[in-house]
Amino acid sequence: MIAWLRAVFAALLTLASGVGPTHAGNEAATNALPVPRFVSIKADRVNVRGGPDKDHDVSFIFTRVGWPVEITAEFENWRRIRDSDGSEGWVYHSLLSSKRMAAIQMKEKSDLAPLHEEPNVKSPVLAKLEVGVLGTVKTCTGTWCHLVGRNFDGWVEQDDLWGVYPNEKIE
């Protein structure tokens, strides 16, 4: 009888803690973070694997801290990510940061993105940023993002960025 009560108690404790079968392998259900979502690369060398464990081969390696990637799926402590080129793979969660970063991404690689003083095409242009320039996203209005990086601080049209969704508002 005591063994049976212990088993029932253990089962109830497991269900109450959210680790039961309905949550197994689905961290999004326990931390309520949306998928897909943007995050950034945390380390200066991040292996991207073909599957969600260390037994899978390394498909490619990120070597740029802060590069924005999109989480497209989660499995336990692994995140399937997509980069700005559309390449996908699995990364261990601790190698990713929730810090919102964005990179200039234009239709043509030779195009430059104007950095404005205010979120308005008529405001003064402070600089023109090349494709791949990286900055920290401070806020987004849904059409403009306040971007801060090395030697620049201003507003970029949201459509010129990889790392934020169209019409996304960030405060």
Protein backbone atom coordinates (compact mmCIF):
# COMPACT_ATOMS: atom_id res chain seq x y z
CA MET A 1 0.00 0.00 0.00
CA ILE A 2 2.79 2.47 0.89
CA ALA A 3 4.63 1.72 -2.37
CA TRP A 4 1.41 2.39 -4.29
CA LEU A 5 0.90 5.74 -2.50
CA ARG A 6 4.51 6.73 -3.24
CA ALA A 7 3.99 5.93 -6.93
CA VAL A 8 0.78 8.00 -7.05
CA PHE A 9 2.47 10.88 -5.21
CA ALA A 10 5.47 10.77 -7.59
CA ALA A 11 3.14 10.79 -10.62
CA LEU A 12 1.19 13.77 -9.25
CA LEU A 13 4.41 15.64 -8.48
CA THR A 14 5.69 15.02 -12.02
CA LEU A 15 2.46 16.31 -13.56
CA ALA A 16 2.38 19.36 -11.28
CA SER A 17 5.96 20.26 -12.20
CA GLY A 18 5.12 20.32 -15.92
CA VAL A 19 7.64 17.62 -16.80
CA GLY A 20 5.05 15.01 -17.65
CA PRO A 21 4.43 13.55 -21.07
CA THR A 22 2.39 16.50 -22.33
CA HIS A 23 5.45 18.76 -21.96
CA ALA A 24 8.26 16.35 -22.82
CA GLY A 25 10.53 17.84 -25.47
CA ASN A 26 8.50 21.05 -25.70
CA GLU A 27 10.21 23.80 -23.72
CA ALA A 28 7.98 26.41 -25.39
CA ALA A 29 5.04 24.97 -23.44
CA THR A 30 6.82 25.62 -20.14
CA ASN A 31 8.51 28.95 -20.85
CA ALA A 32 5.79 30.42 -23.07
CA LEU A 33 8.23 31.88 -25.60
CA PRO A 34 6.82 32.04 -29.10
CA VAL A 35 8.14 30.00 -32.01
CA PRO A 36 9.25 31.37 -34.40
CA ARG A 37 11.23 34.17 -32.73
CA PHE A 38 14.49 36.01 -33.30
CA VAL A 39 17.51 35.63 -31.02
CA SER A 40 21.22 36.23 -31.57
CA ILE A 41 24.41 34.18 -31.54
CA LYS A 42 26.05 34.38 -28.10
CA ALA A 43 29.50 32.87 -28.66
CA ASP A 44 32.29 33.47 -31.17
CA ARG A 45 32.11 29.86 -32.40
CA VAL A 46 28.74 28.11 -32.60
CA ASN A 47 28.36 24.71 -34.23
CA VAL A 48 25.13 24.25 -36.15
CA ARG A 49 24.22 20.57 -36.32
CA GLY A 50 22.01 18.45 -38.53
CA GLY A 51 19.87 17.34 -35.58
CA PRO A 52 19.13 18.12 -31.92
CA ASP A 53 22.06 16.37 -30.21
CA LYS A 54 25.86 16.27 -30.29
CA ASP A 55 25.85 12.99 -32.24
CA HIS A 56 24.73 14.84 -35.38
CA ASP A 57 27.35 16.21 -37.76
CA VAL A 58 28.22 19.91 -37.77
CA SER A 59 26.61 21.45 -40.87
CA PHE A 60 28.21 24.88 -40.52
CA ILE A 61 29.71 27.19 -37.89
CA PHE A 62 28.77 30.73 -36.85
CA THR A 63 31.79 32.89 -36.01
CA ARG A 64 30.10 36.25 -35.49
CA VAL A 65 28.80 37.13 -32.03
CA GLY A 66 25.47 38.94 -32.16
CA TRP A 67 24.34 37.65 -35.55
CA PRO A 68 20.53 37.39 -35.56
CA VAL A 69 18.94 33.99 -36.19
CA GLU A 70 15.34 32.82 -36.14
CA ILE A 71 14.30 29.94 -33.90
CA THR A 72 11.93 27.77 -35.95
CA ALA A 73 11.56 24.78 -33.60
CA GLU A 74 12.56 23.55 -30.15
CA PHE A 75 13.41 20.11 -28.81
CA GLU A 76 14.45 19.86 -25.17
CA ASN A 77 17.53 22.16 -24.86
CA TRP A 78 18.09 22.40 -28.62
CA ARG A 79 16.83 25.09 -31.00
CA ARG A 80 16.43 24.74 -34.75
CA ILE A 81 17.54 28.04 -36.23
CA ARG A 82 17.48 29.70 -39.65
CA ASP A 83 19.95 32.36 -40.71
CA SER A 84 19.55 35.25 -43.14
CA ASP A 85 20.56 33.02 -46.08
CA GLY A 86 17.87 30.45 -45.21
CA SER A 87 20.32 27.83 -43.91
CA GLU A 88 18.92 25.78 -41.03
CA GLY A 89 20.28 23.56 -38.29
CA TRP A 90 20.25 22.81 -34.57
CA VAL A 91 22.08 24.76 -31.85
CA TYR A 92 22.31 24.14 -28.11
CA HIS A 93 20.19 26.76 -26.32
CA SER A 94 22.98 28.20 -24.14
CA LEU A 95 24.82 29.38 -27.27
CA LEU A 96 21.96 31.76 -28.10
CA SER A 97 21.07 35.11 -26.53
CA SER A 98 17.67 36.75 -26.27
CA LYS A 99 19.34 40.11 -27.05
CA ARG A 100 17.66 41.52 -30.16
CA MET A 101 20.13 42.28 -32.88
CA ALA A 102 19.54 43.07 -36.54
CA ALA A 103 21.67 43.15 -39.65
CA ILE A 104 21.26 45.30 -42.72
CA GLN A 105 19.80 43.18 -45.51
CA MET A 106 19.03 44.85 -48.82
CA LYS A 107 17.61 43.44 -52.06
CA GLU A 108 20.96 44.05 -53.76
CA LYS A 109 24.17 43.46 -51.81
CA SER A 110 25.61 46.68 -53.19
CA ASP A 111 22.68 48.80 -51.90
CA LEU A 112 23.10 50.91 -48.78
CA ALA A 113 20.48 51.43 -46.06
CA PRO A 114 20.01 55.04 -44.96
CA LEU A 115 20.32 55.61 -41.21
CA HIS A 116 17.97 58.46 -40.30
CA GLU A 117 18.01 60.81 -37.34
CA GLU A 118 14.28 60.19 -36.76
CA PRO A 119 11.84 57.47 -37.93
CA ASN A 120 10.88 59.44 -41.01
CA VAL A 121 12.23 59.36 -44.60
CA LYS A 122 12.36 63.18 -44.56
CA SER A 123 14.61 63.32 -41.48
CA PRO A 124 18.34 63.83 -42.03
CA VAL A 125 20.40 60.83 -43.14
CA LEU A 126 23.21 60.28 -40.63
CA ALA A 127 24.95 57.48 -42.51
CA LYS A 128 24.46 54.80 -45.13
CA LEU A 129 24.95 51.26 -43.86
CA GLU A 130 26.28 48.34 -45.90
CA VAL A 131 24.70 44.90 -46.08
CA GLY A 132 25.78 42.89 -43.05
CA VAL A 133 26.26 45.82 -40.67
CA LEU A 134 25.06 44.65 -37.26
CA GLY A 135 23.33 46.66 -34.55
CA THR A 136 21.34 46.34 -31.35
CA VAL A 137 17.60 46.83 -31.78
CA LYS A 138 16.41 49.38 -29.21
CA THR A 139 12.81 49.83 -30.41
CA CYS A 140 10.69 49.17 -33.49
CA THR A 141 7.50 50.97 -34.46
CA GLY A 142 6.30 48.41 -36.98
CA THR A 143 7.90 50.29 -39.88
CA TRP A 144 11.12 51.72 -38.37
CA CYS A 145 13.72 50.39 -35.92
CA HIS A 146 16.07 52.35 -33.70
CA LEU A 147 19.41 50.64 -34.30
CA VAL A 148 22.63 51.25 -32.36
CA GLY A 149 26.01 49.87 -33.37
CA ARG A 150 29.68 50.69 -33.65
CA ASN A 151 29.83 54.42 -34.35
CA PHE A 152 26.16 54.79 -35.30
CA ASP A 153 22.81 55.43 -33.63
CA GLY A 154 19.69 56.10 -35.65
CA TRP A 155 16.59 54.79 -37.40
CA VAL A 156 16.43 52.26 -40.23
CA GLU A 157 13.38 51.17 -42.17
CA GLN A 158 12.29 47.82 -40.79
CA ASP A 159 12.15 46.21 -44.25
CA ASP A 160 15.93 46.74 -44.58
CA LEU A 161 16.72 44.52 -41.57
CA TRP A 162 17.17 40.81 -40.85
CA GLY A 163 16.35 40.12 -37.21
CA VAL A 164 12.91 41.70 -36.90
CA TYR A 165 9.60 40.68 -38.41
CA PRO A 166 7.60 42.91 -40.77
CA ASN A 167 5.25 45.10 -38.71
CA GLU A 168 6.77 43.85 -35.42
CA LYS A 169 6.73 46.36 -32.59
CA ILE A 170 9.49 46.25 -29.99
CA GLU A 171 9.54 48.48 -26.94
